[in-house]
Amino acid sequence: MHDFACTQARDILNPVLRERVRYLKESEGGNAEMCELVEEYAEKRAKRYAEEREMQVKMRTAKNCIDNTNLPLEDIAKCVELPLATVEELARGRTA
């Protein structure tokens, strides 16, 4: 645990970990590699968040349609692009 709490490569006791951290933090090539990894992680996280948010909006829109219109559940499902089973569960008062 000591090594993972270190902020400087020189303080890391494990020689393999120390050299890898030194490469990633202190060399130009490692720095570029780390930047790419962080950007890739950020893109994946942003995509996952956008997908989660889109689903929340679809669910809320479907629930509003169920509560405030007389549209058939099939039409609501088509409009919000959710499976009919999900909309039916929302109509029964359960979350999908």
PDB file of N, CA and C in Angstrom:
ATOM      1  N   MET A   1       0.820  -1.190   0.000  1.00  0.00           N
ATOM      2  CA  MET A   1       0.000   0.000   0.000  1.00  0.00           C
ATOM      3  C   MET A   1       0.867   1.258   0.000  1.00  0.00           C
ATOM      4  N   HIS A   2       2.030   1.172   0.578  1.00  0.00           N
ATOM      5  CA  HIS A   2       2.932   2.326   0.622  1.00  0.00           C
ATOM      6  C   HIS A   2       3.189   2.855  -0.782  1.00  0.00           C
ATOM      7  N   ASP A   3       3.521   1.950  -1.692  1.00  0.00           N
ATOM      8  CA  ASP A   3       3.887   2.368  -3.045  1.00  0.00           C
ATOM      9  C   ASP A   3       2.745   3.085  -3.762  1.00  0.00           C
ATOM     10  N   PHE A   4       1.509   2.665  -3.531  1.00  0.00           N
ATOM     11  CA  PHE A   4       0.381   3.275  -4.227  1.00  0.00           C
ATOM     12  C   PHE A   4       0.015   4.637  -3.648  1.00  0.00           C
ATOM     13  N   ALA A   5       0.518   4.937  -2.460  1.00  0.00           N
ATOM     14  CA  ALA A   5       0.263   6.243  -1.852  1.00  0.00           C
ATOM     15  C   ALA A   5       1.339   7.272  -2.222  1.00  0.00           C
ATOM     16  N   CYS A   6       2.414   6.826  -2.841  1.00  0.00           N
ATOM     17  CA  CYS A   6       3.518   7.727  -3.182  1.00  0.00           C
ATOM     18  C   CYS A   6       3.150   8.637  -4.348  1.00  0.00           C
ATOM     19  N   THR A   7       3.551   9.889  -4.238  1.00  0.00           N
ATOM     20  CA  THR A   7       3.310  10.835  -5.325  1.00  0.00           C
ATOM     21  C   THR A   7       4.541  11.001  -6.213  1.00  0.00           C
ATOM     22  N   GLN A   8       5.683  10.558  -5.739  1.00  0.00           N
ATOM     23  CA  GLN A   8       6.929  10.645  -6.497  1.00  0.00           C
ATOM     24  C   GLN A   8       7.456   9.238  -6.771  1.00  0.00           C
ATOM     25  N   ALA A   9       7.902   9.005  -7.976  1.00  0.00           N
ATOM     26  CA  ALA A   9       8.417   7.690  -8.353  1.00  0.00           C
ATOM     27  C   ALA A   9       9.600   7.286  -7.475  1.00  0.00           C
ATOM     28  N   ARG A  10      10.429   8.226  -7.107  1.00  0.00           N
ATOM     29  CA  ARG A  10      11.632   7.892  -6.330  1.00  0.00           C
ATOM     30  C   ARG A  10      11.306   7.315  -4.953  1.00  0.00           C
ATOM     31  N   ASP A  11      10.092   7.549  -4.447  1.00  0.00           N
ATOM     32  CA  ASP A  11       9.690   7.066  -3.130  1.00  0.00           C
ATOM     33  C   ASP A  11       9.108   5.650  -3.157  1.00  0.00           C
ATOM     34  N   ILE A  12       8.859   5.124  -4.352  1.00  0.00           N
ATOM     35  CA  ILE A  12       8.251   3.798  -4.494  1.00  0.00           C
ATOM     36  C   ILE A  12       9.301   2.723  -4.232  1.00  0.00           C
ATOM     37  N   LEU A  13       8.941   1.745  -3.418  1.00  0.00           N
ATOM     38  CA  LEU A  13       9.873   0.693  -3.032  1.00  0.00           C
ATOM     39  C   LEU A  13       9.992  -0.412  -4.079  1.00  0.00           C
ATOM     40  N   ASN A  14       8.901  -0.801  -4.692  1.00  0.00           N
ATOM     41  CA  ASN A  14       8.916  -1.870  -5.687  1.00  0.00           C
ATOM     42  C   ASN A  14       9.611  -1.360  -6.947  1.00  0.00           C
ATOM     43  N   PRO A  15      10.714  -2.006  -7.351  1.00  0.00           N
ATOM     44  CA  PRO A  15      11.491  -1.482  -8.492  1.00  0.00           C
ATOM     45  C   PRO A  15      10.725  -1.496  -9.821  1.00  0.00           C
ATOM     46  N   VAL A  16       9.909  -2.507 -10.043  1.00  0.00           N
ATOM     47  CA  VAL A  16       9.156  -2.586 -11.300  1.00  0.00           C
ATOM     48  C   VAL A  16       8.126  -1.459 -11.360  1.00  0.00           C
ATOM     49  N   LEU A  17       7.377  -1.293 -10.276  1.00  0.00           N
ATOM     50  CA  LEU A  17       6.384  -0.227 -10.216  1.00  0.00           C
ATOM     51  C   LEU A  17       7.057   1.141 -10.283  1.00  0.00           C
ATOM     52  N   ARG A  18       8.169   1.310  -9.591  1.00  0.00           N
ATOM     53  CA  ARG A  18       8.889   2.584  -9.580  1.00  0.00           C
ATOM     54  C   ARG A  18       9.288   2.994 -10.997  1.00  0.00           C
ATOM     55  N   GLU A  19       9.825   2.056 -11.770  1.00  0.00           N
ATOM     56  CA  GLU A  19      10.265   2.391 -13.127  1.00  0.00           C
ATOM     57  C   GLU A  19       9.080   2.684 -14.048  1.00  0.00           C
ATOM     58  N   ARG A  20       7.991   1.952 -13.867  1.00  0.00           N
ATOM     59  CA  ARG A  20       6.807   2.199 -14.704  1.00  0.00           C
ATOM     60  C   ARG A  20       6.215   3.579 -14.397  1.00  0.00           C
ATOM     61  N   VAL A  21       6.126   3.908 -13.114  1.00  0.00           N
ATOM     62  CA  VAL A  21       5.600   5.219 -12.726  1.00  0.00           C
ATOM     63  C   VAL A  21       6.538   6.318 -13.221  1.00  0.00           C
ATOM     64  N   ARG A  22       7.828   6.108 -13.084  1.00  0.00           N
ATOM     65  CA  ARG A  22       8.797   7.095 -13.566  1.00  0.00           C
ATOM     66  C   ARG A  22       8.623   7.313 -15.081  1.00  0.00           C
ATOM     67  N   TYR A  23       8.470   6.221 -15.820  1.00  0.00           N
ATOM     68  CA  TYR A  23       8.280   6.335 -17.270  1.00  0.00           C
ATOM     69  C   TYR A  23       7.014   7.137 -17.586  1.00  0.00           C
ATOM     70  N   LEU A  24       5.917   6.783 -16.938  1.00  0.00           N
ATOM     71  CA  LEU A  24       4.641   7.431 -17.245  1.00  0.00           C
ATOM     72  C   LEU A  24       4.610   8.894 -16.806  1.00  0.00           C
ATOM     73  N   LYS A  25       5.236   9.203 -15.694  1.00  0.00           N
ATOM     74  CA  LYS A  25       5.156  10.561 -15.158  1.00  0.00           C
ATOM     75  C   LYS A  25       6.283  11.476 -15.612  1.00  0.00           C
ATOM     76  N   GLU A  26       7.458  10.909 -15.858  1.00  0.00           N
ATOM     77  CA  GLU A  26       8.627  11.764 -16.041  1.00  0.00           C
ATOM     78  C   GLU A  26       9.242  11.734 -17.437  1.00  0.00           C
ATOM     79  N   SER A  27       8.810  10.818 -18.292  1.00  0.00           N
ATOM     80  CA  SER A  27       9.377  10.802 -19.642  1.00  0.00           C
ATOM     81  C   SER A  27       8.363  11.357 -20.634  1.00  0.00           C
ATOM     82  N   GLU A  28       8.874  11.892 -21.716  1.00  0.00           N
ATOM     83  CA  GLU A  28       7.998  12.474 -22.728  1.00  0.00           C
ATOM     84  C   GLU A  28       7.083  11.413 -23.343  1.00  0.00           C
ATOM     85  N   GLY A  29       7.650  10.255 -23.656  1.00  0.00           N
ATOM     86  CA  GLY A  29       6.847   9.177 -24.232  1.00  0.00           C
ATOM     87  C   GLY A  29       5.802   8.666 -23.261  1.00  0.00           C
ATOM     88  N   GLY A  30       6.185   8.529 -22.003  1.00  0.00           N
ATOM     89  CA  GLY A  30       5.248   8.072 -20.988  1.00  0.00           C
ATOM     90  C   GLY A  30       4.152   9.083 -20.733  1.00  0.00           C
ATOM     91  N   ASN A  31       4.529  10.330 -20.754  1.00  0.00           N
ATOM     92  CA  ASN A  31       3.557  11.397 -20.548  1.00  0.00           C
ATOM     93  C   ASN A  31       2.522  11.385 -21.672  1.00  0.00           C
ATOM     94  N   ALA A  32       2.978  11.211 -22.892  1.00  0.00           N
ATOM     95  CA  ALA A  32       2.057  11.145 -24.036  1.00  0.00           C
ATOM     96  C   ALA A  32       1.152   9.926 -23.920  1.00  0.00           C
ATOM     97  N   GLU A  33       1.739   8.796 -23.506  1.00  0.00           N
ATOM     98  CA  GLU A  33       0.952   7.575 -23.337  1.00  0.00           C
ATOM     99  C   GLU A  33      -0.112   7.762 -22.253  1.00  0.00           C
ATOM    100  N   MET A  34       0.278   8.392 -21.149  1.00  0.00           N
ATOM    101  CA  MET A  34      -0.662   8.633 -20.062  1.00  0.00           C
ATOM    102  C   MET A  34      -1.775   9.572 -20.511  1.00  0.00           C
ATOM    103  N   CYS A  35      -1.447  10.588 -21.276  1.00  0.00           N
ATOM    104  CA  CYS A  35      -2.466  11.510 -21.786  1.00  0.00           C
ATOM    105  C   CYS A  35      -3.483  10.771 -22.658  1.00  0.00           C
ATOM    106  N   GLU A  36      -2.990   9.890 -23.512  1.00  0.00           N
ATOM    107  CA  GLU A  36      -3.879   9.104 -24.364  1.00  0.00           C
ATOM    108  C   GLU A  36      -4.795   8.221 -23.531  1.00  0.00           C
ATOM    109  N   LEU A  37      -4.239   7.579 -22.507  1.00  0.00           N
ATOM    110  CA  LEU A  37      -5.042   6.718 -21.637  1.00  0.00           C
ATOM    111  C   LEU A  37      -6.114   7.511 -20.903  1.00  0.00           C
ATOM    112  N   VAL A  38      -5.758   8.669 -20.409  1.00  0.00           N
ATOM    113  CA  VAL A  38      -6.723   9.505 -19.690  1.00  0.00           C
ATOM    114  C   VAL A  38      -7.808   9.994 -20.647  1.00  0.00           C
ATOM    115  N   GLU A  39      -7.427  10.395 -21.844  1.00  0.00           N
ATOM    116  CA  GLU A  39      -8.416  10.843 -22.832  1.00  0.00           C
ATOM    117  C   GLU A  39      -9.362   9.708 -23.202  1.00  0.00           C
ATOM    118  N   GLU A  40      -8.829   8.512 -23.388  1.00  0.00           N
ATOM    119  CA  GLU A  40      -9.652   7.349 -23.723  1.00  0.00           C
ATOM    120  C   GLU A  40     -10.638   7.059 -22.589  1.00  0.00           C
ATOM    121  N   TYR A  41     -10.148   7.106 -21.357  1.00  0.00           N
ATOM    122  CA  TYR A  41     -11.016   6.892 -20.208  1.00  0.00           C
ATOM    123  C   TYR A  41     -12.123   7.952 -20.161  1.00  0.00           C
ATOM    124  N   ALA A  42     -11.752   9.199 -20.371  1.00  0.00           N
ATOM    125  CA  ALA A  42     -12.725  10.294 -20.324  1.00  0.00           C
ATOM    126  C   ALA A  42     -13.789  10.133 -21.412  1.00  0.00           C
ATOM    127  N   GLU A  43     -13.375   9.729 -22.596  1.00  0.00           N
ATOM    128  CA  GLU A  43     -14.333   9.522 -23.682  1.00  0.00           C
ATOM    129  C   GLU A  43     -15.301   8.390 -23.354  1.00  0.00           C
ATOM    130  N   LYS A  44     -14.771   7.293 -22.806  1.00  0.00           N
ATOM    131  CA  LYS A  44     -15.642   6.175 -22.432  1.00  0.00           C
ATOM    132  C   LYS A  44     -16.620   6.584 -21.346  1.00  0.00           C
ATOM    133  N   ARG A  45     -16.134   7.326 -20.367  1.00  0.00           N
ATOM    134  CA  ARG A  45     -16.996   7.765 -19.259  1.00  0.00           C
ATOM    135  C   ARG A  45     -18.058   8.730 -19.762  1.00  0.00           C
ATOM    136  N   ALA A  46     -17.675   9.640 -20.651  1.00  0.00           N
ATOM    137  CA  ALA A  46     -18.633  10.596 -21.203  1.00  0.00           C
ATOM    138  C   ALA A  46     -19.704   9.870 -22.019  1.00  0.00           C
ATOM    139  N   LYS A  47     -19.295   8.881 -22.784  1.00  0.00           N
ATOM    140  CA  LYS A  47     -20.252   8.115 -23.583  1.00  0.00           C
ATOM    141  C   LYS A  47     -21.213   7.366 -22.680  1.00  0.00           C
ATOM    142  N   ARG A  48     -20.684   6.731 -21.629  1.00  0.00           N
ATOM    143  CA  ARG A  48     -21.533   5.985 -20.701  1.00  0.00           C
ATOM    144  C   ARG A  48     -22.516   6.936 -20.002  1.00  0.00           C
ATOM    145  N   TYR A  49     -22.036   8.111 -19.592  1.00  0.00           N
ATOM    146  CA  TYR A  49     -22.912   9.085 -18.944  1.00  0.00           C
ATOM    147  C   TYR A  49     -24.012   9.538 -19.908  1.00  0.00           C
ATOM    148  N   ALA A  50     -23.652   9.799 -21.153  1.00  0.00           N
ATOM    149  CA  ALA A  50     -24.640  10.246 -22.143  1.00  0.00           C
ATOM    150  C   ALA A  50     -25.709   9.175 -22.361  1.00  0.00           C
ATOM    151  N   GLU A  51     -25.288   7.917 -22.417  1.00  0.00           N
ATOM    152  CA  GLU A  51     -26.246   6.823 -22.596  1.00  0.00           C
ATOM    153  C   GLU A  51     -27.168   6.698 -21.383  1.00  0.00           C
ATOM    154  N   GLU A  52     -26.599   6.821 -20.186  1.00  0.00           N
ATOM    155  CA  GLU A  52     -27.417   6.762 -18.969  1.00  0.00           C
ATOM    156  C   GLU A  52     -28.405   7.919 -18.929  1.00  0.00           C
ATOM    157  N   ARG A  53     -27.927   9.091 -19.276  1.00  0.00           N
ATOM    158  CA  ARG A  53     -28.790  10.278 -19.266  1.00  0.00           C
ATOM    159  C   ARG A  53     -29.898  10.150 -20.298  1.00  0.00           C
ATOM    160  N   GLU A  54     -29.572   9.631 -21.468  1.00  0.00           N
ATOM    161  CA  GLU A  54     -30.577   9.441 -22.509  1.00  0.00           C
ATOM    162  C   GLU A  54     -31.672   8.490 -22.027  1.00  0.00           C
ATOM    163  N   MET A  55     -31.278   7.420 -21.347  1.00  0.00           N
ATOM    164  CA  MET A  55     -32.257   6.464 -20.826  1.00  0.00           C
ATOM    165  C   MET A  55     -33.142   7.126 -19.769  1.00  0.00           C
ATOM    166  N   GLN A  56     -32.552   7.952 -18.910  1.00  0.00           N
ATOM    167  CA  GLN A  56     -33.340   8.653 -17.893  1.00  0.00           C
ATOM    168  C   GLN A  56     -34.387   9.555 -18.545  1.00  0.00           C
ATOM    169  N   VAL A  57     -33.986  10.256 -19.586  1.00  0.00           N
ATOM    170  CA  VAL A  57     -34.903  11.155 -20.281  1.00  0.00           C
ATOM    171  C   VAL A  57     -36.025  10.356 -20.941  1.00  0.00           C
ATOM    172  N   LYS A  58     -35.677   9.253 -21.579  1.00  0.00           N
ATOM    173  CA  LYS A  58     -36.694   8.409 -22.214  1.00  0.00           C
ATOM    174  C   LYS A  58     -37.686   7.883 -21.185  1.00  0.00           C
ATOM    175  N   MET A  59     -37.172   7.423 -20.042  1.00  0.00           N
ATOM    176  CA  MET A  59     -38.043   6.880 -19.002  1.00  0.00           C
ATOM    177  C   MET A  59     -38.966   7.978 -18.448  1.00  0.00           C
ATOM    178  N   ARG A  60     -38.420   9.150 -18.190  1.00  0.00           N
ATOM    179  CA  ARG A  60     -39.227  10.245 -17.662  1.00  0.00           C
ATOM    180  C   ARG A  60     -40.283  10.681 -18.678  1.00  0.00           C
ATOM    181  N   THR A  61     -39.891  10.745 -19.948  1.00  0.00           N
ATOM    182  CA  THR A  61     -40.838  11.131 -20.993  1.00  0.00           C
ATOM    183  C   THR A  61     -41.956  10.105 -21.116  1.00  0.00           C
ATOM    184  N   ALA A  62     -41.611   8.835 -21.078  1.00  0.00           N
ATOM    185  CA  ALA A  62     -42.620   7.781 -21.153  1.00  0.00           C
ATOM    186  C   ALA A  62     -43.569   7.872 -19.967  1.00  0.00           C
ATOM    187  N   LYS A  63     -43.021   8.062 -18.771  1.00  0.00           N
ATOM    188  CA  LYS A  63     -43.850   8.170 -17.571  1.00  0.00           C
ATOM    189  C   LYS A  63     -44.779   9.372 -17.668  1.00  0.00           C
ATOM    190  N   ASN A  64     -44.282  10.495 -18.150  1.00  0.00           N
ATOM    191  CA  ASN A  64     -45.132  11.676 -18.330  1.00  0.00           C
ATOM    192  C   ASN A  64     -46.251  11.413 -19.335  1.00  0.00           C
ATOM    193  N   CYS A  65     -45.925  10.717 -20.409  1.00  0.00           N
ATOM    194  CA  CYS A  65     -46.948  10.384 -21.408  1.00  0.00           C
ATOM    195  C   CYS A  65     -48.008   9.455 -20.813  1.00  0.00           C
ATOM    196  N   ILE A  66     -47.561   8.495 -20.036  1.00  0.00           N
ATOM    197  CA  ILE A  66     -48.502   7.565 -19.394  1.00  0.00           C
ATOM    198  C   ILE A  66     -49.433   8.328 -18.451  1.00  0.00           C
ATOM    199  N   ASP A  67     -48.846   9.220 -17.661  1.00  0.00           N
ATOM    200  CA  ASP A  67     -49.621   9.944 -16.650  1.00  0.00           C
ATOM    201  C   ASP A  67     -50.517  11.035 -17.226  1.00  0.00           C
ATOM    202  N   ASN A  68     -50.151  11.610 -18.370  1.00  0.00           N
ATOM    203  CA  ASN A  68     -50.842  12.805 -18.845  1.00  0.00           C
ATOM    204  C   ASN A  68     -51.527  12.682 -20.195  1.00  0.00           C
ATOM    205  N   THR A  69     -51.480  11.512 -20.795  1.00  0.00           N
ATOM    206  CA  THR A  69     -52.161  11.342 -22.088  1.00  0.00           C
ATOM    207  C   THR A  69     -52.953  10.040 -22.067  1.00  0.00           C
ATOM    208  N   ASN A  70     -53.719   9.867 -23.096  1.00  0.00           N
ATOM    209  CA  ASN A  70     -54.472   8.615 -23.269  1.00  0.00           C
ATOM    210  C   ASN A  70     -53.885   7.790 -24.405  1.00  0.00           C
ATOM    211  N   LEU A  71     -52.634   8.050 -24.734  1.00  0.00           N
ATOM    212  CA  LEU A  71     -52.004   7.313 -25.833  1.00  0.00           C
ATOM    213  C   LEU A  71     -51.846   5.837 -25.466  1.00  0.00           C
ATOM    214  N   PRO A  72     -52.011   4.969 -26.449  1.00  0.00           N
ATOM    215  CA  PRO A  72     -51.746   3.548 -26.191  1.00  0.00           C
ATOM    216  C   PRO A  72     -50.263   3.350 -25.831  1.00  0.00           C
ATOM    217  N   LEU A  73     -50.005   2.392 -24.979  1.00  0.00           N
ATOM    218  CA  LEU A  73     -48.633   2.131 -24.543  1.00  0.00           C
ATOM    219  C   LEU A  73     -47.716   1.812 -25.717  1.00  0.00           C
ATOM    220  N   GLU A  74     -48.250   1.169 -26.737  1.00  0.00           N
ATOM    221  CA  GLU A  74     -47.449   0.843 -27.914  1.00  0.00           C
ATOM    222  C   GLU A  74     -46.947   2.117 -28.598  1.00  0.00           C
ATOM    223  N   ASP A  75     -47.818   3.117 -28.687  1.00  0.00           N
ATOM    224  CA  ASP A  75     -47.435   4.388 -29.315  1.00  0.00           C
ATOM    225  C   ASP A  75     -46.386   5.121 -28.476  1.00  0.00           C
ATOM    226  N   ILE A  76     -46.566   5.092 -27.170  1.00  0.00           N
ATOM    227  CA  ILE A  76     -45.587   5.730 -26.289  1.00  0.00           C
ATOM    228  C   ILE A  76     -44.232   5.063 -26.453  1.00  0.00           C
ATOM    229  N   ALA A  77     -44.233   3.740 -26.477  1.00  0.00           N
ATOM    230  CA  ALA A  77     -42.979   2.993 -26.633  1.00  0.00           C
ATOM    231  C   ALA A  77     -42.281   3.381 -27.932  1.00  0.00           C
ATOM    232  N   LYS A  78     -43.029   3.494 -29.005  1.00  0.00           N
ATOM    233  CA  LYS A  78     -42.443   3.887 -30.282  1.00  0.00           C
ATOM    234  C   LYS A  78     -41.893   5.307 -30.233  1.00  0.00           C
ATOM    235  N   CYS A  79     -42.654   6.215 -29.638  1.00  0.00           N
ATOM    236  CA  CYS A  79     -42.245   7.623 -29.599  1.00  0.00           C
ATOM    237  C   CYS A  79     -40.958   7.840 -28.804  1.00  0.00           C
ATOM    238  N   VAL A  80     -40.844   7.149 -27.683  1.00  0.00           N
ATOM    239  CA  VAL A  80     -39.665   7.369 -26.837  1.00  0.00           C
ATOM    240  C   VAL A  80     -38.566   6.349 -27.099  1.00  0.00           C
ATOM    241  N   GLU A  81     -38.822   5.437 -28.025  1.00  0.00           N
ATOM    242  CA  GLU A  81     -37.839   4.418 -28.419  1.00  0.00           C
ATOM    243  C   GLU A  81     -37.407   3.551 -27.242  1.00  0.00           C
ATOM    244  N   LEU A  82     -38.425   3.027 -26.542  1.00  0.00           N
ATOM    245  CA  LEU A  82     -38.193   2.062 -25.461  1.00  0.00           C
ATOM    246  C   LEU A  82     -38.944   0.784 -25.793  1.00  0.00           C
ATOM    247  N   PRO A  83     -38.484  -0.334 -25.263  1.00  0.00           N
ATOM    248  CA  PRO A  83     -39.238  -1.578 -25.468  1.00  0.00           C
ATOM    249  C   PRO A  83     -40.626  -1.468 -24.834  1.00  0.00           C
ATOM    250  N   LEU A  84     -41.598  -2.082 -25.461  1.00  0.00           N
ATOM    251  CA  LEU A  84     -42.963  -2.056 -24.946  1.00  0.00           C
ATOM    252  C   LEU A  84     -43.024  -2.594 -23.522  1.00  0.00           C
ATOM    253  N   ALA A  85     -42.278  -3.627 -23.228  1.00  0.00           N
ATOM    254  CA  ALA A  85     -42.279  -4.213 -21.886  1.00  0.00           C
ATOM    255  C   ALA A  85     -41.854  -3.191 -20.833  1.00  0.00           C
ATOM    256  N   THR A  86     -40.903  -2.353 -21.158  1.00  0.00           N
ATOM    257  CA  THR A  86     -40.444  -1.322 -20.231  1.00  0.00           C
ATOM    258  C   THR A  86     -41.549  -0.308 -19.974  1.00  0.00           C
ATOM    259  N   VAL A  87     -42.222   0.104 -21.025  1.00  0.00           N
ATOM    260  CA  VAL A  87     -43.314   1.073 -20.894  1.00  0.00           C
ATOM    261  C   VAL A  87     -44.465   0.453 -20.109  1.00  0.00           C
ATOM    262  N   GLU A  88     -44.741  -0.810 -20.341  1.00  0.00           N
ATOM    263  CA  GLU A  88     -45.800  -1.494 -19.589  1.00  0.00           C
ATOM    264  C   GLU A  88     -45.460  -1.551 -18.099  1.00  0.00           C
ATOM    265  N   GLU A  89     -44.215  -1.788 -17.782  1.00  0.00           N
ATOM    266  CA  GLU A  89     -43.793  -1.806 -16.372  1.00  0.00           C
ATOM    267  C   GLU A  89     -43.944  -0.416 -15.752  1.00  0.00           C
ATOM    268  N   LEU A  90     -43.582   0.606 -16.501  1.00  0.00           N
ATOM    269  CA  LEU A  90     -43.776   1.978 -16.007  1.00  0.00           C
ATOM    270  C   LEU A  90     -45.249   2.259 -15.747  1.00  0.00           C
ATOM    271  N   ALA A  91     -46.105   1.768 -16.632  1.00  0.00           N
ATOM    272  CA  ALA A  91     -47.542   1.994 -16.498  1.00  0.00           C
ATOM    273  C   ALA A  91     -48.096   1.281 -15.258  1.00  0.00           C
ATOM    274  N   ARG A  92     -47.483   0.179 -14.893  1.00  0.00           N
ATOM    275  CA  ARG A  92     -47.926  -0.554 -13.704  1.00  0.00           C
ATOM    276  C   ARG A  92     -47.324   0.047 -12.424  1.00  0.00           C
ATOM    277  N   GLY A  93     -46.514   1.089 -12.589  1.00  0.00           N
ATOM    278  CA  GLY A  93     -45.957   1.761 -11.432  1.00  0.00           C
ATOM    279  C   GLY A  93     -44.642   1.225 -10.955  1.00  0.00           C
ATOM    280  N   ARG A  94     -44.021   0.384 -11.752  1.00  0.00           N
ATOM    281  CA  ARG A  94     -42.705  -0.150 -11.395  1.00  0.00           C
ATOM    282  C   ARG A  94     -41.679   0.450 -12.331  1.00  0.00           C
ATOM    283  N   THR A  95     -40.471   0.579 -11.850  1.00  0.00           N
ATOM    284  CA  THR A  95     -39.385   1.040 -12.722  1.00  0.00           C
ATOM    285  C   THR A  95     -38.785  -0.171 -13.392  1.00  0.00           C
ATOM    286  N   ALA A  96     -38.355   0.028 -14.621  1.00  0.00           N
ATOM    287  CA  ALA A  96     -37.783  -1.084 -15.384  1.00  0.00           C
ATOM    288  C   ALA A  96     -36.361  -1.323 -15.008  1.00  0.00           C
TER     289      ALA A  96
END
